Every structure is written in C-alpha cells, then in structure tokens.
Amino acid sequence: MKQAIVVRTDLGMGDGKLAAQVAHASLTAYENAHESTRREWKGEGQKKVVLKVSSEADLRDLEDQARREGLPHALIRDAGHTQLEPGTATALAVGPGEENLVDRVTGDLSLL
C-alpha cells in the first residue's frame, strides 16, 4: 500500500505552505478511501512519497488517471489566505492504494 502526494513547483510556495498543502492532500485522500483500505494502509506503516509536477494541467491529468484506476484521490485548492490566489490547485494525493496501481499514475514523476 502506498500514497503519492504530488505538488506543483511552478507556484513558488514557501516550505511551510508546501508542507501544509501536502498534509491537506494526504488527509483528504485518506478520508476518501474505503475503511478497509485505510485500515490496511495504516497497518503497513502509511507509506508515502512526495513528488513534483510543473503545472496545473499536469495535476489534472494525474487526477483523471487516478479516477480511471479507481484510486482514492484529492485535488487541493488553496483558500487564498496567504501566498496564493483563492482556488489555486496546489497538490494532488493519489491513494492510499495498492502500490502498483498508485505507480501506474505517478511512477514516472520525480521526487520533490
């Protein structure tokens, strides 16, 4: 089991902002997962990787792929209180899910 969190590098988010967006994505996708998937992932240590893309279009493409694979996922849009405009897509979590399925969606991306 695995979860991949993908963040946009083109936004110039500060480290704290980026960390918060990763946390939002991870938790939201976890909440979207079936209870048995959540239990299994937690039991295996909650494996996560943080990856990068350079555009909103890339995030949307990955979201479409995750949907086609039937994976829980969450696209995060910022509220706009600090560094970004309201509604800016910042991060996407894919999974938790079977590692091979998550890798079908995110396996070609680079680590952050």
Protein backbone atom coordinates (compact mmCIF):
# COMPACT_ATOMS: atom_id res chain seq x y z
CA MET A 1 0.00 0.00 0.00
CA LYS A 2 1.15 3.49 -0.81
CA GLN A 3 0.10 7.09 -1.16
CA ALA A 4 1.72 9.59 -3.53
CA ILE A 5 1.33 13.30 -2.97
CA VAL A 6 2.14 15.45 -5.99
CA VAL A 7 2.85 19.17 -5.65
CA ARG A 8 3.23 21.96 -8.15
CA THR A 9 6.69 23.50 -8.31
CA ASP A 10 5.66 26.39 -10.57
CA LEU A 11 3.84 28.25 -7.79
CA GLY A 12 6.88 29.17 -5.70
CA MET A 13 5.21 28.14 -2.44
CA GLY A 14 7.26 28.60 0.71
CA ASP A 15 8.29 25.47 2.59
CA GLY A 16 5.59 25.84 5.24
CA LYS A 17 2.87 26.45 2.66
CA LEU A 18 4.02 23.44 0.64
CA ALA A 19 4.04 21.24 3.74
CA ALA A 20 0.51 22.34 4.63
CA GLN A 21 -0.75 21.57 1.12
CA VAL A 22 0.84 18.10 1.23
CA ALA A 23 -0.83 17.46 4.58
CA HIS A 24 -4.23 18.62 3.30
CA ALA A 25 -3.95 16.34 0.27
CA SER A 26 -2.82 13.30 2.23
CA LEU A 27 -5.54 13.57 4.84
CA THR A 28 -8.33 14.33 2.36
CA ALA A 29 -7.47 11.38 0.11
CA TYR A 30 -7.24 9.14 3.19
CA GLU A 31 -10.71 10.26 4.22
CA ASN A 32 -11.96 9.49 0.67
CA ALA A 33 -10.66 5.92 0.84
CA HIS A 34 -12.76 2.93 1.84
CA GLU A 35 -12.46 1.97 5.51
CA SER A 36 -10.75 -1.35 4.72
CA THR A 37 -8.17 0.47 2.57
CA ARG A 38 -7.49 2.95 5.39
CA ARG A 39 -7.01 0.11 7.88
CA GLU A 40 -4.66 -1.82 5.59
CA TRP A 41 -2.55 1.25 4.76
CA LYS A 42 -2.27 2.22 8.42
CA GLY A 43 -1.32 -1.34 9.34
CA GLU A 44 1.51 -1.28 6.81
CA GLY A 45 3.06 1.96 8.10
CA GLN A 46 1.32 4.55 5.88
CA LYS A 47 3.95 4.61 3.10
CA LYS A 48 4.05 8.00 1.34
CA VAL A 49 6.14 9.68 -1.34
CA VAL A 50 6.09 13.36 -2.31
CA LEU A 51 6.55 14.04 -6.00
CA LYS A 52 6.55 17.09 -8.24
CA VAL A 53 4.94 18.45 -11.38
CA SER A 54 5.30 21.85 -13.01
CA SER A 55 1.72 22.81 -13.88
CA GLU A 56 -1.94 22.62 -13.01
CA ALA A 57 -2.55 20.74 -16.25
CA ASP A 58 -0.19 18.01 -15.02
CA LEU A 59 -2.15 17.72 -11.76
CA ARG A 60 -5.45 17.47 -13.64
CA ASP A 61 -4.08 14.75 -15.93
CA LEU A 62 -2.95 12.75 -12.89
CA GLU A 63 -6.33 13.26 -11.23
CA ASP A 64 -8.03 11.83 -14.33
CA GLN A 65 -5.69 8.84 -14.30
CA ALA A 66 -6.33 8.21 -10.59
CA ARG A 67 -10.08 8.32 -11.23
CA ARG A 68 -9.75 5.82 -14.10
CA GLU A 69 -7.75 3.48 -11.85
CA GLY A 70 -10.44 3.73 -9.17
CA LEU A 71 -7.99 5.12 -6.62
CA PRO A 72 -8.96 7.45 -3.81
CA HIS A 73 -7.54 10.87 -4.56
CA ALA A 74 -7.84 14.51 -3.58
CA LEU A 75 -7.04 17.64 -5.55
CA ILE A 76 -6.36 20.52 -3.17
CA ARG A 77 -7.28 24.11 -3.97
CA ASP A 78 -5.90 26.85 -1.77
CA ALA A 79 -8.24 29.13 0.16
CA GLY A 80 -6.13 32.14 -0.79
CA HIS A 81 -5.47 33.50 2.69
CA THR A 82 -1.70 33.85 2.33
CA GLN A 83 0.55 33.27 -0.68
CA LEU A 84 -1.81 32.17 -3.46
CA GLU A 85 -4.97 33.28 -5.19
CA PRO A 86 -8.17 31.58 -3.97
CA GLY A 87 -8.87 28.36 -5.84
CA THR A 88 -5.29 27.70 -6.95
CA ALA A 89 -4.73 23.95 -7.40
CA THR A 90 -1.64 23.14 -5.35
CA ALA A 91 -1.40 19.41 -4.70
CA LEU A 92 -2.92 16.04 -5.51
CA ALA A 93 -2.83 12.93 -3.35
CA VAL A 94 -3.25 9.57 -5.07
CA GLY A 95 -4.06 6.67 -2.78
CA PRO A 96 -3.79 5.08 -0.37
CA GLY A 97 -3.99 2.12 -2.65
CA GLU A 98 -2.12 -0.87 -3.94
CA GLU A 99 1.41 0.26 -4.75
CA ASN A 100 1.31 -0.98 -8.34
CA LEU A 101 -1.89 0.99 -9.02
CA VAL A 102 -0.52 4.19 -7.48
CA ASP A 103 2.68 3.71 -9.53
CA ARG A 104 0.61 3.43 -12.73
CA VAL A 105 -0.47 7.01 -12.11
CA THR A 106 2.62 8.57 -10.52
CA GLY A 107 5.52 6.19 -11.20
CA ASP A 108 7.15 8.40 -13.85
CA LEU A 109 7.36 11.50 -11.63
CA SER A 110 10.43 12.77 -9.80
CA LEU A 111 10.74 13.11 -6.05
CA LEU A 112 10.33 16.61 -4.65
